[in-house]
PDB file of N, CA and C in Angstrom:
ATOM      1  N   MET A   1      62.881  13.883 -29.466  1.00  0.00           N
ATOM      2  CA  MET A   1      63.341  15.182 -29.008  1.00  0.00           C
ATOM      3  C   MET A   1      62.569  15.552 -27.743  1.00  0.00           C
ATOM      4  N   ARG A   2      63.274  15.918 -26.689  1.00  0.00           N
ATOM      5  CA  ARG A   2      62.667  16.276 -25.409  1.00  0.00           C
ATOM      6  C   ARG A   2      62.091  17.700 -25.486  1.00  0.00           C
ATOM      7  N   PRO A   3      60.794  17.868 -25.179  1.00  0.00           N
ATOM      8  CA  PRO A   3      60.201  19.212 -25.148  1.00  0.00           C
ATOM      9  C   PRO A   3      60.785  20.024 -23.995  1.00  0.00           C
ATOM     10  N   ALA A   4      60.695  21.337 -24.103  1.00  0.00           N
ATOM     11  CA  ALA A   4      61.160  22.242 -23.047  1.00  0.00           C
ATOM     12  C   ALA A   4      59.973  23.062 -22.535  1.00  0.00           C
ATOM     13  N   TYR A   5      59.849  23.141 -21.217  1.00  0.00           N
ATOM     14  CA  TYR A   5      58.772  23.914 -20.590  1.00  0.00           C
ATOM     15  C   TYR A   5      59.199  25.371 -20.454  1.00  0.00           C
ATOM     16  N   HIS A   6      58.283  26.280 -20.774  1.00  0.00           N
ATOM     17  CA  HIS A   6      58.516  27.716 -20.623  1.00  0.00           C
ATOM     18  C   HIS A   6      57.560  28.241 -19.558  1.00  0.00           C
ATOM     19  N   ASP A   7      58.125  28.962 -18.573  1.00  0.00           N
ATOM     20  CA  ASP A   7      57.360  29.429 -17.425  1.00  0.00           C
ATOM     21  C   ASP A   7      56.143  30.261 -17.805  1.00  0.00           C
ATOM     22  N   ALA A   8      55.153  30.231 -16.916  1.00  0.00           N
ATOM     23  CA  ALA A   8      53.896  30.945 -17.134  1.00  0.00           C
ATOM     24  C   ALA A   8      54.126  32.455 -17.282  1.00  0.00           C
ATOM     25  N   ALA A   9      53.316  33.055 -18.144  1.00  0.00           N
ATOM     26  CA  ALA A   9      53.303  34.503 -18.345  1.00  0.00           C
ATOM     27  C   ALA A   9      51.838  34.933 -18.366  1.00  0.00           C
ATOM     28  N   PRO A  10      51.513  36.097 -17.801  1.00  0.00           N
ATOM     29  CA  PRO A  10      50.116  36.545 -17.814  1.00  0.00           C
ATOM     30  C   PRO A  10      49.597  36.648 -19.251  1.00  0.00           C
ATOM     31  N   TYR A  11      48.385  36.144 -19.486  1.00  0.00           N
ATOM     32  CA  TYR A  11      47.746  36.249 -20.801  1.00  0.00           C
ATOM     33  C   TYR A  11      47.574  37.716 -21.127  1.00  0.00           C
ATOM     34  N   PRO A  12      47.858  38.202 -22.310  1.00  0.00           N
ATOM     35  CA  PRO A  12      48.179  37.512 -23.562  1.00  0.00           C
ATOM     36  C   PRO A  12      49.674  37.417 -23.852  1.00  0.00           C
ATOM     37  N   THR A  13      50.541  37.644 -22.865  1.00  0.00           N
ATOM     38  CA  THR A  13      51.985  37.567 -23.071  1.00  0.00           C
ATOM     39  C   THR A  13      52.405  36.145 -23.453  1.00  0.00           C
ATOM     40  N   ILE A  14      53.304  36.043 -24.394  1.00  0.00           N
ATOM     41  CA  ILE A  14      53.829  34.749 -24.822  1.00  0.00           C
ATOM     42  C   ILE A  14      54.938  34.330 -23.853  1.00  0.00           C
ATOM     43  N   PRO A  15      54.900  33.098 -23.327  1.00  0.00           N
ATOM     44  CA  PRO A  15      55.972  32.651 -22.433  1.00  0.00           C
ATOM     45  C   PRO A  15      57.327  32.711 -23.141  1.00  0.00           C
ATOM     46  N   PHE A  16      58.327  33.275 -22.473  1.00  0.00           N
ATOM     47  CA  PHE A  16      59.630  33.411 -23.119  1.00  0.00           C
ATOM     48  C   PHE A  16      60.764  32.857 -22.280  1.00  0.00           C
ATOM     49  N   HIS A  17      60.539  32.600 -20.985  1.00  0.00           N
ATOM     50  CA  HIS A  17      61.603  32.135 -20.105  1.00  0.00           C
ATOM     51  C   HIS A  17      61.583  30.612 -20.007  1.00  0.00           C
ATOM     52  N   ARG A  18      62.614  29.990 -20.529  1.00  0.00           N
ATOM     53  CA  ARG A  18      62.708  28.521 -20.458  1.00  0.00           C
ATOM     54  C   ARG A  18      63.012  28.106 -19.021  1.00  0.00           C
ATOM     55  N   ASP A  19      62.250  27.163 -18.520  1.00  0.00           N
ATOM     56  CA  ASP A  19      62.436  26.674 -17.167  1.00  0.00           C
ATOM     57  C   ASP A  19      63.622  25.708 -17.126  1.00  0.00           C
ATOM     58  N   ALA A  20      64.295  25.649 -15.985  1.00  0.00           N
ATOM     59  CA  ALA A  20      65.482  24.799 -15.845  1.00  0.00           C
ATOM     60  C   ALA A  20      65.142  23.314 -15.700  1.00  0.00           C
ATOM     61  N   PHE A  21      63.909  22.992 -15.282  1.00  0.00           N
ATOM     62  CA  PHE A  21      63.536  21.594 -15.080  1.00  0.00           C
ATOM     63  C   PHE A  21      63.256  20.904 -16.411  1.00  0.00           C
ATOM     64  N   ALA A  22      63.755  19.688 -16.538  1.00  0.00           N
ATOM     65  CA  ALA A  22      63.572  18.915 -17.768  1.00  0.00           C
ATOM     66  C   ALA A  22      62.298  18.078 -17.678  1.00  0.00           C
ATOM     67  N   MET A  23      61.605  17.973 -18.798  1.00  0.00           N
ATOM     68  CA  MET A  23      60.439  17.100 -18.865  1.00  0.00           C
ATOM     69  C   MET A  23      60.927  15.653 -18.836  1.00  0.00           C
ATOM     70  N   ARG A  24      60.101  14.773 -18.259  1.00  0.00           N
ATOM     71  CA  ARG A  24      60.458  13.361 -18.128  1.00  0.00           C
ATOM     72  C   ARG A  24      59.632  12.510 -19.091  1.00  0.00           C
ATOM     73  N   SER A  25      60.242  11.479 -19.611  1.00  0.00           N
ATOM     74  CA  SER A  25      59.536  10.564 -20.495  1.00  0.00           C
ATOM     75  C   SER A  25      58.434   9.851 -19.716  1.00  0.00           C
ATOM     76  N   ALA A  26      57.249   9.788 -20.318  1.00  0.00           N
ATOM     77  CA  ALA A  26      56.108   9.098 -19.701  1.00  0.00           C
ATOM     78  C   ALA A  26      55.609   7.993 -20.620  1.00  0.00           C
ATOM     79  N   GLY A  27      56.444   7.579 -21.554  1.00  0.00           N
ATOM     80  CA  GLY A  27      56.087   6.550 -22.522  1.00  0.00           C
ATOM     81  C   GLY A  27      56.453   7.025 -23.911  1.00  0.00           C
ATOM     82  N   PRO A  28      56.253   6.184 -24.920  1.00  0.00           N
ATOM     83  CA  PRO A  28      56.597   6.560 -26.289  1.00  0.00           C
ATOM     84  C   PRO A  28      55.830   7.814 -26.744  1.00  0.00           C
ATOM     85  N   GLY A  29      56.567   8.883 -27.011  1.00  0.00           N
ATOM     86  CA  GLY A  29      55.949  10.113 -27.491  1.00  0.00           C
ATOM     87  C   GLY A  29      55.208  10.897 -26.418  1.00  0.00           C
ATOM     88  N   LEU A  30      55.345  10.517 -25.146  1.00  0.00           N
ATOM     89  CA  LEU A  30      54.655  11.198 -24.048  1.00  0.00           C
ATOM     90  C   LEU A  30      55.676  11.776 -23.069  1.00  0.00           C
ATOM     91  N   TRP A  31      55.395  12.982 -22.563  1.00  0.00           N
ATOM     92  CA  TRP A  31      56.296  13.656 -21.634  1.00  0.00           C
ATOM     93  C   TRP A  31      55.486  14.226 -20.486  1.00  0.00           C
ATOM     94  N   SER A  32      56.136  14.336 -19.317  1.00  0.00           N
ATOM     95  CA  SER A  32      55.441  14.906 -18.164  1.00  0.00           C
ATOM     96  C   SER A  32      56.362  15.867 -17.420  1.00  0.00           C
ATOM     97  N   LEU A  33      55.733  16.803 -16.716  1.00  0.00           N
ATOM     98  CA  LEU A  33      56.444  17.739 -15.870  1.00  0.00           C
ATOM     99  C   LEU A  33      55.438  18.287 -14.869  1.00  0.00           C
ATOM    100  N   PRO A  34      55.680  18.117 -13.567  1.00  0.00           N
ATOM    101  CA  PRO A  34      54.749  18.697 -12.604  1.00  0.00           C
ATOM    102  C   PRO A  34      54.841  20.220 -12.638  1.00  0.00           C
ATOM    103  N   VAL A  35      53.696  20.872 -12.652  1.00  0.00           N
ATOM    104  CA  VAL A  35      53.623  22.334 -12.661  1.00  0.00           C
ATOM    105  C   VAL A  35      52.914  22.754 -11.377  1.00  0.00           C
ATOM    106  N   THR A  36      53.582  23.564 -10.568  1.00  0.00           N
ATOM    107  CA  THR A  36      53.012  24.014  -9.300  1.00  0.00           C
ATOM    108  C   THR A  36      52.282  25.334  -9.501  1.00  0.00           C
ATOM    109  N   MET A  37      51.033  25.367  -9.058  1.00  0.00           N
ATOM    110  CA  MET A  37      50.231  26.588  -9.136  1.00  0.00           C
ATOM    111  C   MET A  37      50.233  27.216  -7.742  1.00  0.00           C
ATOM    112  N   THR A  38      50.809  28.394  -7.590  1.00  0.00           N
ATOM    113  CA  THR A  38      50.885  29.044  -6.291  1.00  0.00           C
ATOM    114  C   THR A  38      49.859  30.174  -6.195  1.00  0.00           C
ATOM    115  N   GLN A  39      49.621  30.615  -4.980  1.00  0.00           N
ATOM    116  CA  GLN A  39      48.653  31.684  -4.732  1.00  0.00           C
ATOM    117  C   GLN A  39      49.014  32.960  -5.499  1.00  0.00           C
ATOM    118  N   SER A  40      50.288  33.170  -5.763  1.00  0.00           N
ATOM    119  CA  SER A  40      50.701  34.382  -6.485  1.00  0.00           C
ATOM    120  C   SER A  40      50.117  34.445  -7.900  1.00  0.00           C
ATOM    121  N   LEU A  41      49.723  33.295  -8.446  1.00  0.00           N
ATOM    122  CA  LEU A  41      49.113  33.298  -9.780  1.00  0.00           C
ATOM    123  C   LEU A  41      47.707  33.890  -9.771  1.00  0.00           C
ATOM    124  N   SER A  42      47.123  34.098  -8.588  1.00  0.00           N
ATOM    125  CA  SER A  42      45.766  34.660  -8.523  1.00  0.00           C
ATOM    126  C   SER A  42      45.740  36.134  -8.921  1.00  0.00           C
ATOM    127  N   SER A  43      46.908  36.725  -9.155  1.00  0.00           N
ATOM    128  CA  SER A  43      46.956  38.124  -9.587  1.00  0.00           C
ATOM    129  C   SER A  43      46.368  38.312 -10.985  1.00  0.00           C
ATOM    130  N   HIS A  44      46.281  37.227 -11.754  1.00  0.00           N
ATOM    131  CA  HIS A  44      45.669  37.251 -13.093  1.00  0.00           C
ATOM    132  C   HIS A  44      44.772  36.029 -13.222  1.00  0.00           C
ATOM    133  N   LEU A  45      43.669  36.181 -13.940  1.00  0.00           N
ATOM    134  CA  LEU A  45      42.749  35.065 -14.128  1.00  0.00           C
ATOM    135  C   LEU A  45      43.265  34.080 -15.171  1.00  0.00           C
ATOM    136  N   TYR A  46      43.880  34.606 -16.235  1.00  0.00           N
ATOM    137  CA  TYR A  46      44.381  33.761 -17.323  1.00  0.00           C
ATOM    138  C   TYR A  46      45.894  33.880 -17.433  1.00  0.00           C
ATOM    139  N   TRP A  47      46.526  32.740 -17.704  1.00  0.00           N
ATOM    140  CA  TRP A  47      47.965  32.651 -17.881  1.00  0.00           C
ATOM    141  C   TRP A  47      48.257  31.826 -19.123  1.00  0.00           C
ATOM    142  N   ASN A  48      49.410  32.051 -19.720  1.00  0.00           N
ATOM    143  CA  ASN A  48      49.905  31.210 -20.809  1.00  0.00           C
ATOM    144  C   ASN A  48      51.123  30.450 -20.307  1.00  0.00           C
ATOM    145  N   ILE A  49      51.161  29.149 -20.580  1.00  0.00           N
ATOM    146  CA  ILE A  49      52.373  28.372 -20.367  1.00  0.00           C
ATOM    147  C   ILE A  49      52.831  27.883 -21.731  1.00  0.00           C
ATOM    148  N   GLY A  50      54.097  27.587 -21.845  1.00  0.00           N
ATOM    149  CA  GLY A  50      54.628  27.195 -23.142  1.00  0.00           C
ATOM    150  C   GLY A  50      55.348  25.864 -23.095  1.00  0.00           C
ATOM    151  N   VAL A  51      55.250  25.133 -24.194  1.00  0.00           N
ATOM    152  CA  VAL A  51      56.003  23.903 -24.388  1.00  0.00           C
ATOM    153  C   VAL A  51      56.661  24.027 -25.761  1.00  0.00           C
ATOM    154  N   LYS A  52      57.980  24.021 -25.757  1.00  0.00           N
ATOM    155  CA  LYS A  52      58.712  24.165 -27.012  1.00  0.00           C
ATOM    156  C   LYS A  52      59.207  22.801 -27.466  1.00  0.00           C
ATOM    157  N   ILE A  53      58.823  22.437 -28.680  1.00  0.00           N
ATOM    158  CA  ILE A  53      59.255  21.185 -29.297  1.00  0.00           C
ATOM    159  C   ILE A  53      60.020  21.564 -30.561  1.00  0.00           C
ATOM    160  N   GLY A  54      61.307  21.301 -30.556  1.00  0.00           N
ATOM    161  CA  GLY A  54      62.138  21.754 -31.666  1.00  0.00           C
ATOM    162  C   GLY A  54      62.170  23.271 -31.664  1.00  0.00           C
ATOM    163  N   SER A  55      61.788  23.888 -32.771  1.00  0.00           N
ATOM    164  CA  SER A  55      61.772  25.352 -32.853  1.00  0.00           C
ATOM    165  C   SER A  55      60.366  25.931 -32.695  1.00  0.00           C
ATOM    166  N   THR A  56      59.374  25.076 -32.416  1.00  0.00           N
ATOM    167  CA  THR A  56      57.981  25.528 -32.306  1.00  0.00           C
ATOM    168  C   THR A  56      57.556  25.631 -30.846  1.00  0.00           C
ATOM    169  N   LEU A  57      57.081  26.818 -30.450  1.00  0.00           N
ATOM    170  CA  LEU A  57      56.566  27.038 -29.108  1.00  0.00           C
ATOM    171  C   LEU A  57      55.045  26.884 -29.144  1.00  0.00           C
ATOM    172  N   HIS A  58      54.539  25.930 -28.381  1.00  0.00           N
ATOM    173  CA  HIS A  58      53.095  25.722 -28.256  1.00  0.00           C
ATOM    174  C   HIS A  58      52.641  26.444 -26.996  1.00  0.00           C
ATOM    175  N   VAL A  59      51.681  27.357 -27.146  1.00  0.00           N
ATOM    176  CA  VAL A  59      51.197  28.156 -26.022  1.00  0.00           C
ATOM    177  C   VAL A  59      49.863  27.586 -25.552  1.00  0.00           C
ATOM    178  N   ILE A  60      49.783  27.328 -24.256  1.00  0.00           N
ATOM    179  CA  ILE A  60      48.578  26.754 -23.650  1.00  0.00           C
ATOM    180  C   ILE A  60      48.022  27.773 -22.660  1.00  0.00           C
ATOM    181  N   ARG A  61      46.797  28.212 -22.887  1.00  0.00           N
ATOM    182  CA  ARG A  61      46.176  29.185 -21.984  1.00  0.00           C
ATOM    183  C   ARG A  61      45.491  28.417 -20.851  1.00  0.00           C
ATOM    184  N   ILE A  62      45.740  28.866 -19.630  1.00  0.00           N
ATOM    185  CA  ILE A  62      45.111  28.247 -18.470  1.00  0.00           C
ATOM    186  C   ILE A  62      44.370  29.300 -17.669  1.00  0.00           C
ATOM    187  N   ARG A  63      43.338  28.860 -16.945  1.00  0.00           N
ATOM    188  CA  ARG A  63      42.578  29.744 -16.080  1.00  0.00           C
ATOM    189  C   ARG A  63      42.840  29.306 -14.637  1.00  0.00           C
ATOM    190  N   VAL A  64      43.166  30.279 -13.797  1.00  0.00           N
ATOM    191  CA  VAL A  64      43.526  29.987 -12.411  1.00  0.00           C
ATOM    192  C   VAL A  64      42.408  30.440 -11.495  1.00  0.00           C
ATOM    193  N   LEU A  65      41.877  29.505 -10.729  1.00  0.00           N
ATOM    194  CA  LEU A  65      40.822  29.814  -9.752  1.00  0.00           C
ATOM    195  C   LEU A  65      41.315  29.379  -8.377  1.00  0.00           C
ATOM    196  N   PHE A  66      41.346  30.288  -7.434  1.00  0.00           N
ATOM    197  CA  PHE A  66      41.729  29.953  -6.060  1.00  0.00           C
ATOM    198  C   PHE A  66      40.568  30.257  -5.157  1.00  0.00           C
TER     199      PHE A  66
END
């Protein structure tokens, strides 16, 4: 099952917007998707990104330093 990427949301908001780009297979059970970090993300120190596999959304907190 191909995971779906959900766009970044400022922490502690849960990502809810599914991104249109599809993750690519990177080997058995491995997936990749380039994520671009832009200067506009400096408005918040912490962000949540989401990866949905089946019906489960996995939230990953990231810290942005520019």
